[in-house]
Amino acid sequence: MVRRLITGLTLLSVAGMTLVGCGSDSDDESSVDSEALEWAESFCGHIQEGSEALNLPETGSTDPQQTRDDYVGFLDSLSEQLDVLAQGIESDGPPPVMNGQESYDAAMTQLNDAREAVASATASLEEAEVSEDPASLEAAITEAGESMTELQAYGGPEDTFRNNPDIEAALDEAENCQRA
């Protein structure tokens, strides 16, 4: 059970904070508007910063209370990075493309839902009574994980923005959005 939560949380953070697409290696002249490309560069920069700053939980402790504290620390780190990402997206504003405001609104709604789910899971885990019995940890993790079940399919704001072809083209072309 513990491994499943770690895997789920790690996948959530990786999916939410890493880049999914790869850009074109073409030397052709860009068909993407320069303002949209500038927006995409900044957006992907926020994602890269968050990915680098995310602190994954320590594993291997046999102490259930320490393990719980490690998970809480990870969720706190994830929450901080989601906050920073939201602030970055808000400071950039909507992508300057057709239907950019709609895409922005959808991405921010989903990101805020993710932030609330992580906060709920963190609070649940912090408040859980965890004893030396590993079963108490498993029960606490199960309860905390319930608030995050809806996030399993969430791929982060990039996935939401990629639903708009104009934004997807800018993300594919932006250098900051290229996979290393």
N, C-alpha and C. Protein backbone atom coordinates (compact mmCIF):
# COMPACT_ATOMS: atom_id res chain seq x y z
N MET A 1 0.81 -1.19 0.00
CA MET A 1 0.00 0.00 0.00
C MET A 1 0.86 1.26 0.00
N VAL A 2 1.89 1.25 0.83
CA VAL A 2 2.77 2.42 0.91
C VAL A 2 3.45 2.66 -0.43
N ARG A 3 3.92 1.59 -1.04
CA ARG A 3 4.55 1.74 -2.35
C ARG A 3 3.58 2.31 -3.37
N ARG A 4 2.31 1.87 -3.30
CA ARG A 4 1.31 2.34 -4.23
C ARG A 4 1.08 3.85 -4.07
N LEU A 5 1.05 4.33 -2.83
CA LEU A 5 0.87 5.76 -2.61
C LEU A 5 2.09 6.53 -3.11
N ILE A 6 3.28 6.04 -2.79
CA ILE A 6 4.49 6.72 -3.26
C ILE A 6 4.48 6.78 -4.78
N THR A 7 4.16 5.66 -5.41
CA THR A 7 4.11 5.63 -6.87
C THR A 7 3.06 6.61 -7.38
N GLY A 8 1.88 6.59 -6.77
CA GLY A 8 0.82 7.50 -7.19
C GLY A 8 1.20 8.95 -7.01
N LEU A 9 1.76 9.29 -5.86
CA LEU A 9 2.15 10.67 -5.61
C LEU A 9 3.28 11.09 -6.53
N THR A 10 4.22 10.20 -6.73
CA THR A 10 5.33 10.52 -7.61
C THR A 10 4.84 10.72 -9.04
N LEU A 11 3.96 9.83 -9.49
CA LEU A 11 3.42 9.98 -10.84
C LEU A 11 2.64 11.28 -10.96
N LEU A 12 1.88 11.61 -9.92
CA LEU A 12 1.13 12.86 -9.95
C LEU A 12 2.08 14.04 -10.07
N SER A 13 3.11 14.05 -9.26
CA SER A 13 4.02 15.19 -9.30
C SER A 13 4.79 15.24 -10.61
N VAL A 14 5.19 14.09 -11.09
CA VAL A 14 5.93 14.06 -12.34
C VAL A 14 5.02 14.47 -13.49
N ALA A 15 3.80 13.93 -13.49
CA ALA A 15 2.86 14.27 -14.56
C ALA A 15 2.51 15.74 -14.52
N GLY A 16 2.33 16.27 -13.28
CA GLY A 16 1.94 17.65 -13.15
C GLY A 16 3.06 18.63 -13.36
N MET A 17 4.29 18.22 -13.16
CA MET A 17 5.40 19.16 -13.18
C MET A 17 6.44 18.91 -14.27
N THR A 18 6.29 17.86 -15.06
CA THR A 18 7.27 17.65 -16.12
C THR A 18 6.65 17.92 -17.46
N LEU A 19 7.48 18.00 -18.44
CA LEU A 19 7.01 18.30 -19.78
C LEU A 19 6.67 17.03 -20.51
N VAL A 20 5.55 17.07 -21.19
CA VAL A 20 5.07 15.89 -21.89
C VAL A 20 5.55 15.87 -23.32
N GLY A 21 5.51 16.98 -23.99
CA GLY A 21 5.77 17.00 -25.42
C GLY A 21 7.20 17.31 -25.76
N CYS A 22 7.55 16.97 -26.95
CA CYS A 22 8.85 17.30 -27.50
C CYS A 22 8.62 18.21 -28.69
N GLY A 23 9.47 19.16 -28.85
CA GLY A 23 9.32 20.10 -29.95
C GLY A 23 9.88 19.56 -31.24
N SER A 24 9.68 20.32 -32.25
CA SER A 24 10.15 19.95 -33.57
C SER A 24 11.62 20.29 -33.70
N ASP A 25 12.34 19.45 -34.42
CA ASP A 25 13.75 19.72 -34.71
C ASP A 25 13.91 20.39 -36.06
N SER A 26 12.82 20.79 -36.63
CA SER A 26 12.82 21.36 -37.96
C SER A 26 13.53 22.71 -37.98
N ASP A 27 14.23 22.97 -39.08
CA ASP A 27 14.89 24.26 -39.27
C ASP A 27 14.00 25.22 -40.03
N ASP A 28 12.77 24.79 -40.33
CA ASP A 28 11.84 25.64 -41.06
C ASP A 28 11.52 26.88 -40.23
N GLU A 29 11.14 27.93 -40.94
CA GLU A 29 10.76 29.16 -40.26
C GLU A 29 9.50 28.91 -39.44
N SER A 30 9.43 29.53 -38.29
CA SER A 30 8.33 29.34 -37.36
C SER A 30 7.02 29.88 -37.91
N SER A 31 5.95 29.13 -37.68
CA SER A 31 4.62 29.61 -38.02
C SER A 31 3.89 30.05 -36.77
N VAL A 32 4.58 30.01 -35.63
CA VAL A 32 4.00 30.38 -34.36
C VAL A 32 4.24 31.87 -34.11
N ASP A 33 3.20 32.54 -33.67
CA ASP A 33 3.28 33.96 -33.34
C ASP A 33 4.34 34.17 -32.26
N SER A 34 5.13 35.22 -32.39
CA SER A 34 6.24 35.45 -31.45
C SER A 34 5.74 35.67 -30.02
N GLU A 35 4.59 36.30 -29.83
CA GLU A 35 4.06 36.49 -28.48
C GLU A 35 3.64 35.16 -27.87
N ALA A 36 3.06 34.29 -28.67
CA ALA A 36 2.66 32.97 -28.18
C ALA A 36 3.91 32.16 -27.82
N LEU A 37 4.94 32.27 -28.62
CA LEU A 37 6.18 31.56 -28.35
C LEU A 37 6.83 32.09 -27.06
N GLU A 38 6.81 33.39 -26.87
CA GLU A 38 7.35 33.98 -25.65
C GLU A 38 6.56 33.49 -24.43
N TRP A 39 5.24 33.41 -24.55
CA TRP A 39 4.41 32.92 -23.46
C TRP A 39 4.79 31.46 -23.15
N ALA A 40 4.93 30.64 -24.19
CA ALA A 40 5.27 29.23 -24.00
C ALA A 40 6.63 29.07 -23.33
N GLU A 41 7.60 29.88 -23.72
CA GLU A 41 8.93 29.82 -23.11
C GLU A 41 8.82 30.08 -21.61
N SER A 42 8.06 31.09 -21.24
CA SER A 42 7.91 31.43 -19.84
C SER A 42 7.15 30.33 -19.09
N PHE A 43 6.08 29.86 -19.66
CA PHE A 43 5.29 28.80 -19.04
C PHE A 43 6.15 27.56 -18.76
N CYS A 44 6.89 27.11 -19.75
CA CYS A 44 7.73 25.92 -19.56
C CYS A 44 8.86 26.18 -18.58
N GLY A 45 9.30 27.42 -18.50
CA GLY A 45 10.30 27.77 -17.49
C GLY A 45 9.75 27.58 -16.08
N HIS A 46 8.49 27.94 -15.89
CA HIS A 46 7.86 27.72 -14.58
C HIS A 46 7.79 26.23 -14.25
N ILE A 47 7.47 25.42 -15.23
CA ILE A 47 7.39 23.98 -15.01
C ILE A 47 8.76 23.40 -14.66
N GLN A 48 9.78 23.82 -15.39
CA GLN A 48 11.14 23.33 -15.11
C GLN A 48 11.59 23.70 -13.71
N GLU A 49 11.33 24.93 -13.31
CA GLU A 49 11.71 25.37 -11.97
C GLU A 49 11.03 24.52 -10.91
N GLY A 50 9.75 24.25 -11.09
CA GLY A 50 9.00 23.45 -10.14
C GLY A 50 9.50 22.02 -10.08
N SER A 51 9.83 21.46 -11.21
CA SER A 51 10.34 20.09 -11.26
C SER A 51 11.65 19.97 -10.51
N GLU A 52 12.51 20.95 -10.69
CA GLU A 52 13.82 20.91 -10.05
C GLU A 52 13.73 21.11 -8.55
N ALA A 53 12.73 21.85 -8.09
CA ALA A 53 12.61 22.18 -6.67
C ALA A 53 11.81 21.17 -5.87
N LEU A 54 11.14 20.24 -6.54
CA LEU A 54 10.29 19.28 -5.84
C LEU A 54 11.14 18.29 -5.05
N ASN A 55 10.81 18.15 -3.77
CA ASN A 55 11.54 17.23 -2.89
C ASN A 55 10.76 15.94 -2.74
N LEU A 56 11.28 14.87 -3.31
CA LEU A 56 10.61 13.57 -3.20
C LEU A 56 10.79 13.03 -1.79
N PRO A 57 9.83 12.22 -1.33
CA PRO A 57 9.92 11.73 0.06
C PRO A 57 11.06 10.74 0.23
N GLU A 58 11.59 10.75 1.44
CA GLU A 58 12.58 9.74 1.80
C GLU A 58 11.84 8.41 1.90
N THR A 59 12.50 7.35 1.54
CA THR A 59 11.89 6.03 1.67
C THR A 59 12.87 5.13 2.40
N GLY A 60 12.33 4.05 2.91
CA GLY A 60 13.19 3.08 3.55
C GLY A 60 13.10 3.09 5.07
N SER A 61 12.44 4.07 5.66
CA SER A 61 12.30 4.10 7.10
C SER A 61 11.33 3.00 7.54
N THR A 62 11.65 2.35 8.62
CA THR A 62 10.75 1.33 9.17
C THR A 62 9.87 1.92 10.27
N ASP A 63 10.07 3.18 10.59
CA ASP A 63 9.28 3.86 11.61
C ASP A 63 8.05 4.49 10.93
N PRO A 64 6.84 4.00 11.24
CA PRO A 64 5.64 4.54 10.60
C PRO A 64 5.46 6.04 10.80
N GLN A 65 5.80 6.54 11.97
CA GLN A 65 5.64 7.97 12.21
C GLN A 65 6.61 8.79 11.36
N GLN A 66 7.84 8.31 11.23
CA GLN A 66 8.82 9.00 10.38
C GLN A 66 8.39 8.94 8.92
N THR A 67 7.86 7.80 8.50
CA THR A 67 7.39 7.66 7.12
C THR A 67 6.26 8.65 6.86
N ARG A 68 5.32 8.74 7.81
CA ARG A 68 4.23 9.71 7.66
C ARG A 68 4.79 11.12 7.55
N ASP A 69 5.75 11.47 8.39
CA ASP A 69 6.35 12.80 8.35
C ASP A 69 7.04 13.05 7.01
N ASP A 70 7.68 12.01 6.46
CA ASP A 70 8.32 12.14 5.15
C ASP A 70 7.29 12.41 4.06
N TYR A 71 6.14 11.73 4.13
CA TYR A 71 5.08 11.95 3.15
C TYR A 71 4.50 13.35 3.28
N VAL A 72 4.31 13.79 4.51
CA VAL A 72 3.80 15.14 4.74
C VAL A 72 4.78 16.15 4.16
N GLY A 73 6.07 15.93 4.36
CA GLY A 73 7.08 16.82 3.78
C GLY A 73 7.02 16.85 2.27
N PHE A 74 6.81 15.69 1.66
CA PHE A 74 6.68 15.63 0.21
C PHE A 74 5.44 16.39 -0.24
N LEU A 75 4.32 16.17 0.42
CA LEU A 75 3.09 16.86 0.04
C LEU A 75 3.22 18.36 0.24
N ASP A 76 3.92 18.78 1.29
CA ASP A 76 4.18 20.21 1.48
C ASP A 76 5.01 20.77 0.32
N SER A 77 6.02 20.02 -0.09
CA SER A 77 6.87 20.45 -1.21
C SER A 77 6.05 20.52 -2.50
N LEU A 78 5.22 19.52 -2.71
CA LEU A 78 4.36 19.51 -3.90
C LEU A 78 3.41 20.69 -3.87
N SER A 79 2.84 20.96 -2.72
CA SER A 79 1.92 22.09 -2.57
C SER A 79 2.62 23.41 -2.88
N GLU A 80 3.82 23.57 -2.35
CA GLU A 80 4.59 24.79 -2.62
C GLU A 80 4.85 24.96 -4.10
N GLN A 81 5.22 23.88 -4.76
CA GLN A 81 5.54 23.99 -6.19
C GLN A 81 4.29 24.25 -7.02
N LEU A 82 3.17 23.68 -6.62
CA LEU A 82 1.92 23.97 -7.33
C LEU A 82 1.54 25.44 -7.13
N ASP A 83 1.78 25.98 -5.94
CA ASP A 83 1.52 27.40 -5.68
C ASP A 83 2.41 28.28 -6.55
N VAL A 84 3.69 27.94 -6.61
CA VAL A 84 4.64 28.72 -7.42
C VAL A 84 4.25 28.64 -8.90
N LEU A 85 3.86 27.46 -9.35
CA LEU A 85 3.44 27.29 -10.74
C LEU A 85 2.20 28.14 -11.02
N ALA A 86 1.23 28.11 -10.13
CA ALA A 86 0.02 28.91 -10.32
C ALA A 86 0.36 30.39 -10.38
N GLN A 87 1.24 30.84 -9.49
CA GLN A 87 1.64 32.25 -9.49
C GLN A 87 2.33 32.62 -10.81
N GLY A 88 3.17 31.72 -11.30
CA GLY A 88 3.86 31.99 -12.57
C GLY A 88 2.89 32.08 -13.73
N ILE A 89 1.95 31.15 -13.78
CA ILE A 89 0.95 31.17 -14.86
C ILE A 89 0.09 32.42 -14.75
N GLU A 90 -0.30 32.77 -13.53
CA GLU A 90 -1.09 33.99 -13.33
C GLU A 90 -0.32 35.23 -13.76
N SER A 91 0.98 35.28 -13.47
CA SER A 91 1.76 36.46 -13.85
C SER A 91 1.92 36.56 -15.36
N ASP A 92 1.97 35.41 -16.04
CA ASP A 92 2.07 35.42 -17.51
C ASP A 92 0.73 35.75 -18.15
N GLY A 93 -0.34 35.37 -17.47
CA GLY A 93 -1.68 35.61 -18.01
C GLY A 93 -2.02 34.59 -19.09
N PRO A 94 -3.17 34.77 -19.70
CA PRO A 94 -3.62 33.84 -20.73
C PRO A 94 -2.70 33.84 -21.95
N PRO A 95 -2.56 32.70 -22.61
CA PRO A 95 -1.75 32.66 -23.83
C PRO A 95 -2.36 33.57 -24.90
N PRO A 96 -1.53 34.30 -25.62
CA PRO A 96 -2.04 35.24 -26.62
C PRO A 96 -2.38 34.54 -27.95
N VAL A 97 -3.36 33.65 -27.86
CA VAL A 97 -3.82 32.91 -29.04
C VAL A 97 -5.34 32.87 -29.01
N MET A 98 -5.93 32.42 -30.11
CA MET A 98 -7.37 32.27 -30.16
C MET A 98 -7.81 31.28 -29.07
N ASN A 99 -8.82 31.64 -28.33
CA ASN A 99 -9.36 30.84 -27.22
C ASN A 99 -8.34 30.66 -26.09
N GLY A 100 -7.36 31.52 -26.04
CA GLY A 100 -6.34 31.44 -24.99
C GLY A 100 -6.93 31.65 -23.60
N GLN A 101 -7.89 32.55 -23.48
CA GLN A 101 -8.52 32.81 -22.17
C GLN A 101 -9.26 31.56 -21.69
N GLU A 102 -9.97 30.90 -22.59
CA GLU A 102 -10.69 29.68 -22.22
C GLU A 102 -9.73 28.60 -21.75
N SER A 103 -8.64 28.44 -22.46
CA SER A 103 -7.63 27.44 -22.08
C SER A 103 -7.01 27.79 -20.74
N TYR A 104 -6.72 29.07 -20.55
CA TYR A 104 -6.15 29.56 -19.30
C TYR A 104 -7.10 29.28 -18.14
N ASP A 105 -8.37 29.62 -18.32
CA ASP A 105 -9.36 29.41 -17.26
C ASP A 105 -9.46 27.93 -16.90
N ALA A 106 -9.49 27.06 -17.90
CA ALA A 106 -9.57 25.62 -17.64
C ALA A 106 -8.33 25.12 -16.92
N ALA A 107 -7.16 25.57 -17.36
CA ALA A 107 -5.91 25.14 -16.73
C ALA A 107 -5.84 25.61 -15.28
N MET A 108 -6.25 26.84 -15.03
CA MET A 108 -6.19 27.36 -13.67
C MET A 108 -7.21 26.68 -12.76
N THR A 109 -8.39 26.38 -13.28
CA THR A 109 -9.40 25.67 -12.49
C THR A 109 -8.88 24.30 -12.09
N GLN A 110 -8.31 23.58 -13.05
CA GLN A 110 -7.79 22.24 -12.76
C GLN A 110 -6.58 22.31 -11.81
N LEU A 111 -5.73 23.29 -12.00
CA LEU A 111 -4.57 23.45 -11.13
C LEU A 111 -5.02 23.79 -9.70
N ASN A 112 -6.01 24.65 -9.58
CA ASN A 112 -6.52 24.99 -8.25
C ASN A 112 -7.19 23.78 -7.59
N ASP A 113 -7.88 22.96 -8.38
CA ASP A 113 -8.45 21.72 -7.84
C ASP A 113 -7.35 20.80 -7.33
N ALA A 114 -6.26 20.72 -8.07
CA ALA A 114 -5.13 19.89 -7.65
C ALA A 114 -4.52 20.43 -6.36
N ARG A 115 -4.39 21.74 -6.28
CA ARG A 115 -3.85 22.36 -5.07
C ARG A 115 -4.72 22.04 -3.86
N GLU A 116 -6.04 22.13 -4.03
CA GLU A 116 -6.95 21.82 -2.93
C GLU A 116 -6.87 20.36 -2.52
N ALA A 117 -6.76 19.46 -3.49
CA ALA A 117 -6.66 18.03 -3.19
C ALA A 117 -5.38 17.72 -2.42
N VAL A 118 -4.27 18.33 -2.81
CA VAL A 118 -3.00 18.12 -2.11
C VAL A 118 -3.09 18.68 -0.70
N ALA A 119 -3.69 19.85 -0.54
CA ALA A 119 -3.84 20.44 0.78
C ALA A 119 -4.71 19.55 1.68
N SER A 120 -5.76 18.99 1.11
CA SER A 120 -6.63 18.10 1.87
C SER A 120 -5.90 16.83 2.30
N ALA A 121 -5.14 16.27 1.37
CA ALA A 121 -4.37 15.06 1.68
C ALA A 121 -3.32 15.35 2.75
N THR A 122 -2.68 16.49 2.64
CA THR A 122 -1.66 16.87 3.64
C THR A 122 -2.28 17.00 5.02
N ALA A 123 -3.41 17.72 5.09
CA ALA A 123 -4.08 17.91 6.38
C ALA A 123 -4.53 16.57 6.96
N SER A 124 -5.05 15.72 6.12
CA SER A 124 -5.50 14.41 6.58
C SER A 124 -4.34 13.60 7.15
N LEU A 125 -3.23 13.61 6.45
CA LEU A 125 -2.07 12.84 6.89
C LEU A 125 -1.45 13.44 8.15
N GLU A 126 -1.41 14.77 8.23
CA GLU A 126 -0.86 15.42 9.42
C GLU A 126 -1.68 15.11 10.67
N GLU A 127 -3.00 15.05 10.51
CA GLU A 127 -3.90 14.83 11.64
C GLU A 127 -4.04 13.36 12.02
N ALA A 128 -3.60 12.47 11.16
CA ALA A 128 -3.79 11.04 11.39
C ALA A 128 -2.99 10.57 12.60
N GLU A 129 -3.61 9.71 13.36
CA GLU A 129 -2.95 9.08 14.51
C GLU A 129 -2.15 7.89 13.97
N VAL A 130 -0.85 8.04 13.97
CA VAL A 130 0.03 6.97 13.48
C VAL A 130 0.86 6.49 14.67
N SER A 131 0.76 5.20 14.91
CA SER A 131 1.51 4.60 16.03
C SER A 131 2.69 3.81 15.46
N GLU A 132 3.26 3.00 16.30
CA GLU A 132 4.36 2.13 15.87
C GLU A 132 3.85 1.00 14.97
N ASP A 133 2.55 0.80 14.95
CA ASP A 133 1.93 -0.25 14.14
C ASP A 133 1.85 0.20 12.68
N PRO A 134 2.49 -0.52 11.76
CA PRO A 134 2.44 -0.13 10.35
C PRO A 134 1.02 -0.05 9.78
N ALA A 135 0.08 -0.78 10.38
CA ALA A 135 -1.30 -0.72 9.91
C ALA A 135 -1.89 0.67 10.11
N SER A 136 -1.46 1.37 11.15
CA SER A 136 -1.96 2.73 11.38
C SER A 136 -1.48 3.67 10.28
N LEU A 137 -0.25 3.46 9.82
CA LEU A 137 0.27 4.25 8.71
C LEU A 137 -0.50 3.96 7.44
N GLU A 138 -0.74 2.70 7.19
CA GLU A 138 -1.48 2.32 5.99
C GLU A 138 -2.88 2.93 5.99
N ALA A 139 -3.55 2.92 7.14
CA ALA A 139 -4.88 3.52 7.24
C ALA A 139 -4.82 5.03 6.99
N ALA A 140 -3.79 5.69 7.53
CA ALA A 140 -3.64 7.13 7.35
C ALA A 140 -3.38 7.47 5.88
N ILE A 141 -2.56 6.67 5.25
CA ILE A 141 -2.23 6.91 3.83
C ILE A 141 -3.46 6.68 2.97
N THR A 142 -4.21 5.64 3.28
CA THR A 142 -5.43 5.35 2.51
C THR A 142 -6.40 6.52 2.61
N GLU A 143 -6.59 7.01 3.82
CA GLU A 143 -7.52 8.13 4.02
C GLU A 143 -7.02 9.38 3.29
N ALA A 144 -5.74 9.68 3.40
CA ALA A 144 -5.18 10.86 2.72
C ALA A 144 -5.27 10.70 1.21
N GLY A 145 -5.06 9.50 0.72
CA GLY A 145 -5.09 9.25 -0.71
C GLY A 145 -6.46 9.42 -1.33
N GLU A 146 -7.50 9.28 -0.52
CA GLU A 146 -8.86 9.41 -1.05
C GLU A 146 -9.11 10.79 -1.64
N SER A 147 -8.53 11.81 -1.06
CA SER A 147 -8.75 13.16 -1.59
C SER A 147 -7.98 13.39 -2.88
N MET A 148 -7.05 12.49 -3.20
CA MET A 148 -6.26 12.67 -4.41
C MET A 148 -6.64 11.71 -5.54
N THR A 149 -7.64 10.87 -5.32
CA THR A 149 -7.99 9.90 -6.35
C THR A 149 -8.44 10.54 -7.65
N GLU A 150 -9.12 11.68 -7.54
CA GLU A 150 -9.58 12.35 -8.75
C GLU A 150 -8.42 12.93 -9.56
N LEU A 151 -7.27 13.06 -8.95
CA LEU A 151 -6.12 13.65 -9.63
C LEU A 151 -5.31 12.63 -10.44
N GLN A 152 -5.65 11.37 -10.34
CA GLN A 152 -4.85 10.35 -11.00
C GLN A 152 -4.74 10.58 -12.50
N ALA A 153 -5.77 11.12 -13.11
CA ALA A 153 -5.73 11.35 -14.55
C ALA A 153 -5.25 12.76 -14.91
N TYR A 154 -5.00 13.59 -13.90
CA TYR A 154 -4.59 14.97 -14.16
C TYR A 154 -3.15 15.00 -14.63
N GLY A 155 -2.93 15.57 -15.79
CA GLY A 155 -1.59 15.63 -16.37
C GLY A 155 -0.94 16.99 -16.21
N GLY A 156 -1.53 17.86 -15.41
CA GLY A 156 -0.96 19.17 -15.20
C GLY A 156 -1.47 20.19 -16.20
N PRO A 157 -1.12 21.44 -15.97
CA PRO A 157 -1.63 22.50 -16.84
C PRO A 157 -1.14 22.39 -18.28
N GLU A 158 0.00 21.78 -18.48
CA GLU A 158 0.48 21.65 -19.87
C GLU A 158 -0.49 20.82 -20.69
N ASP A 159 -0.96 19.72 -20.13
CA ASP A 159 -1.93 18.89 -20.85
C ASP A 159 -3.18 19.68 -21.20
N THR A 160 -3.62 20.49 -20.25
CA THR A 160 -4.82 21.31 -20.50
C THR A 160 -4.54 22.30 -21.61
N PHE A 161 -3.41 22.97 -21.56
CA PHE A 161 -3.08 23.95 -22.60
C PHE A 161 -2.91 23.27 -23.96
N ARG A 162 -2.43 22.05 -23.97
CA ARG A 162 -2.21 21.35 -25.24
C ARG A 162 -3.52 20.99 -25.95
N ASN A 163 -4.63 21.15 -25.28
CA ASN A 163 -5.92 20.94 -25.93
C ASN A 163 -6.23 22.04 -26.94
N ASN A 164 -5.50 23.13 -26.87
CA ASN A 164 -5.65 24.23 -27.81
C ASN A 164 -4.52 24.09 -28.84
N PRO A 165 -4.85 23.88 -30.12
CA PRO A 165 -3.80 23.65 -31.13
C PRO A 165 -2.78 24.78 -31.27
N ASP A 166 -3.23 26.02 -31.06
CA ASP A 166 -2.30 27.15 -31.17
C ASP A 166 -1.29 27.15 -30.03
N ILE A 167 -1.77 26.81 -28.84
CA ILE A 167 -0.86 26.73 -27.69
C ILE A 167 0.06 25.53 -27.85
N GLU A 168 -0.49 24.43 -28.31
CA GLU A 168 0.33 23.23 -28.51
C GLU A 168 1.46 23.52 -29.48
N ALA A 169 1.18 24.24 -30.55
CA ALA A 169 2.23 24.58 -31.52
C ALA A 169 3.32 25.42 -30.87
N ALA A 170 2.92 26.37 -30.03
CA ALA A 170 3.90 27.21 -29.34
C ALA A 170 4.73 26.38 -28.36
N LEU A 171 4.08 25.49 -27.63
CA LEU A 171 4.80 24.63 -26.68
C LEU A 171 5.77 23.71 -27.41
N ASP A 172 5.34 23.20 -28.56
CA ASP A 172 6.22 22.31 -29.34
C ASP A 172 7.45 23.03 -29.86
N GLU A 173 7.32 24.32 -30.11
CA GLU A 173 8.43 25.06 -30.70
C GLU A 173 9.33 25.73 -29.66
N ALA A 174 8.81 26.02 -28.50
CA ALA A 174 9.58 26.75 -27.49
C ALA A 174 10.75 25.91 -27.00
N GLU A 175 11.92 26.54 -26.94
CA GLU A 175 13.13 25.83 -26.50
C GLU A 175 13.03 25.34 -25.07
N ASN A 176 12.42 26.13 -24.18
CA ASN A 176 12.25 25.73 -22.79
C ASN A 176 11.37 24.50 -22.63
N CYS A 177 10.61 24.20 -23.66
CA CYS A 177 9.67 23.09 -23.59
C CYS A 177 10.24 21.79 -24.18
N GLN A 178 11.46 21.84 -24.62
CA GLN A 178 12.08 20.67 -25.22
C GLN A 178 12.54 19.72 -24.14
N ARG A 179 12.35 18.47 -24.36
CA ARG A 179 12.88 17.45 -23.43
C ARG A 179 14.38 17.36 -23.62
N ALA A 180 15.06 17.26 -22.51
CA ALA A 180 16.52 17.15 -22.56
C ALA A 180 16.93 15.76 -22.98
